[in-house]
Amino acid sequence: MIDDLIPGDTTPDAFVEQMRAFARLSTEKRAAMSAQMSDNLRAIIESGIRQRHPDYDERTVQLATIRCMLGEKLFRQVYPDVNAEP
């Protein structure tokens, strides 16, 4: 249902207008926005890991971030012996 897609801080009318604005963007612009959001999410995850684990070096932060993003099952398939808690 469309109501499940609307953020809690957005009115239905504003959401519809936002979707119309996104639809007017070029494919390239939408792809660039998607990549930027992905980069922002990764930075937020890394920041949280650094706050929880100030002793981690950059490689461990990177591995813990990957673990968050891949999920435990896939992470263990790729990195079976790595212990990098998120």
Protein backbone atom coordinates (compact mmCIF):
# COMPACT_ATOMS: atom_id res chain seq x y z
CA MET A 1 0.00 0.00 0.00
CA ILE A 2 1.23 3.50 -0.79
CA ASP A 3 0.74 4.64 2.83
CA ASP A 4 3.54 2.26 3.86
CA LEU A 5 5.94 4.13 1.55
CA ILE A 6 5.27 7.60 2.93
CA PRO A 7 7.81 8.70 5.58
CA GLY A 8 6.31 9.68 8.93
CA ASP A 9 7.39 13.30 8.54
CA THR A 10 5.84 13.73 5.07
CA THR A 11 2.23 14.46 4.15
CA PRO A 12 0.62 12.34 1.41
CA ASP A 13 0.37 15.40 -0.86
CA ALA A 14 4.05 16.25 -0.36
CA PHE A 15 4.99 12.62 -1.02
CA VAL A 16 3.08 12.59 -4.33
CA GLU A 17 4.78 15.82 -5.39
CA GLN A 18 8.18 14.44 -4.43
CA MET A 19 7.55 11.32 -6.54
CA ARG A 20 6.53 13.52 -9.48
CA ALA A 21 9.73 15.51 -9.10
CA PHE A 22 11.82 12.32 -9.04
CA ALA A 23 10.02 11.06 -12.14
CA ARG A 24 11.04 14.23 -14.02
CA LEU A 25 14.73 13.61 -13.30
CA SER A 26 16.89 11.99 -15.92
CA THR A 27 18.06 8.42 -15.43
CA GLU A 28 21.58 9.72 -14.92
CA LYS A 29 20.47 12.14 -12.19
CA ARG A 30 18.47 9.45 -10.38
CA ALA A 31 21.48 7.11 -10.57
CA ALA A 32 23.75 9.84 -9.17
CA MET A 33 21.33 10.49 -6.31
CA SER A 34 21.17 6.77 -5.56
CA ALA A 35 24.96 6.51 -5.47
CA GLN A 36 25.15 9.54 -3.16
CA MET A 37 22.60 8.03 -0.79
CA SER A 38 24.59 4.79 -0.73
CA ASP A 39 27.77 6.73 0.06
CA ASN A 40 25.96 8.63 2.82
CA LEU A 41 24.63 5.41 4.35
CA ARG A 42 28.09 3.85 4.32
CA ALA A 43 29.53 6.95 6.05
CA ILE A 44 26.82 6.80 8.74
CA ILE A 45 27.49 3.10 9.35
CA GLU A 46 31.26 3.72 9.54
CA SER A 47 30.75 6.58 11.98
CA GLY A 48 28.65 4.40 14.27
CA ILE A 49 31.23 1.63 14.16
CA ARG A 50 34.03 4.08 14.99
CA GLN A 51 32.04 5.39 17.97
CA ARG A 52 31.35 1.88 19.28
CA HIS A 53 34.87 0.62 18.58
CA PRO A 54 37.42 3.46 18.89
CA ASP A 55 40.19 0.84 18.96
CA TYR A 56 39.44 -0.37 15.42
CA ASP A 57 41.90 0.49 12.67
CA GLU A 58 40.59 1.55 9.24
CA ARG A 59 40.65 -1.99 7.82
CA THR A 60 38.58 -3.33 10.72
CA VAL A 61 36.10 -0.45 10.35
CA GLN A 62 35.82 -1.31 6.65
CA LEU A 63 35.23 -5.00 7.41
CA ALA A 64 32.64 -4.23 10.10
CA THR A 65 30.86 -1.94 7.63
CA ILE A 66 30.85 -4.67 5.00
CA ARG A 67 29.44 -7.05 7.61
CA CYS A 68 26.58 -4.64 8.31
CA MET A 69 25.83 -4.18 4.65
CA LEU A 70 26.08 -7.82 3.55
CA GLY A 71 24.48 -9.45 6.56
CA GLU A 72 25.99 -12.19 8.66
CA LYS A 73 25.45 -15.16 6.33
CA LEU A 74 27.01 -13.62 3.23
CA PHE A 75 29.78 -11.96 5.24
CA ARG A 76 30.77 -15.34 6.69
CA GLN A 77 30.84 -16.87 3.21
CA VAL A 78 33.28 -14.21 2.03
CA TYR A 79 35.20 -13.63 5.28
CA PRO A 80 34.85 -16.84 7.33
CA ASP A 81 37.68 -16.06 9.77
CA VAL A 82 37.25 -12.31 10.27
CA ASN A 83 36.04 -10.98 13.62
CA ALA A 84 34.91 -7.39 13.03
CA GLU A 85 31.88 -6.63 15.19
CA PRO A 86 29.71 -3.80 13.86
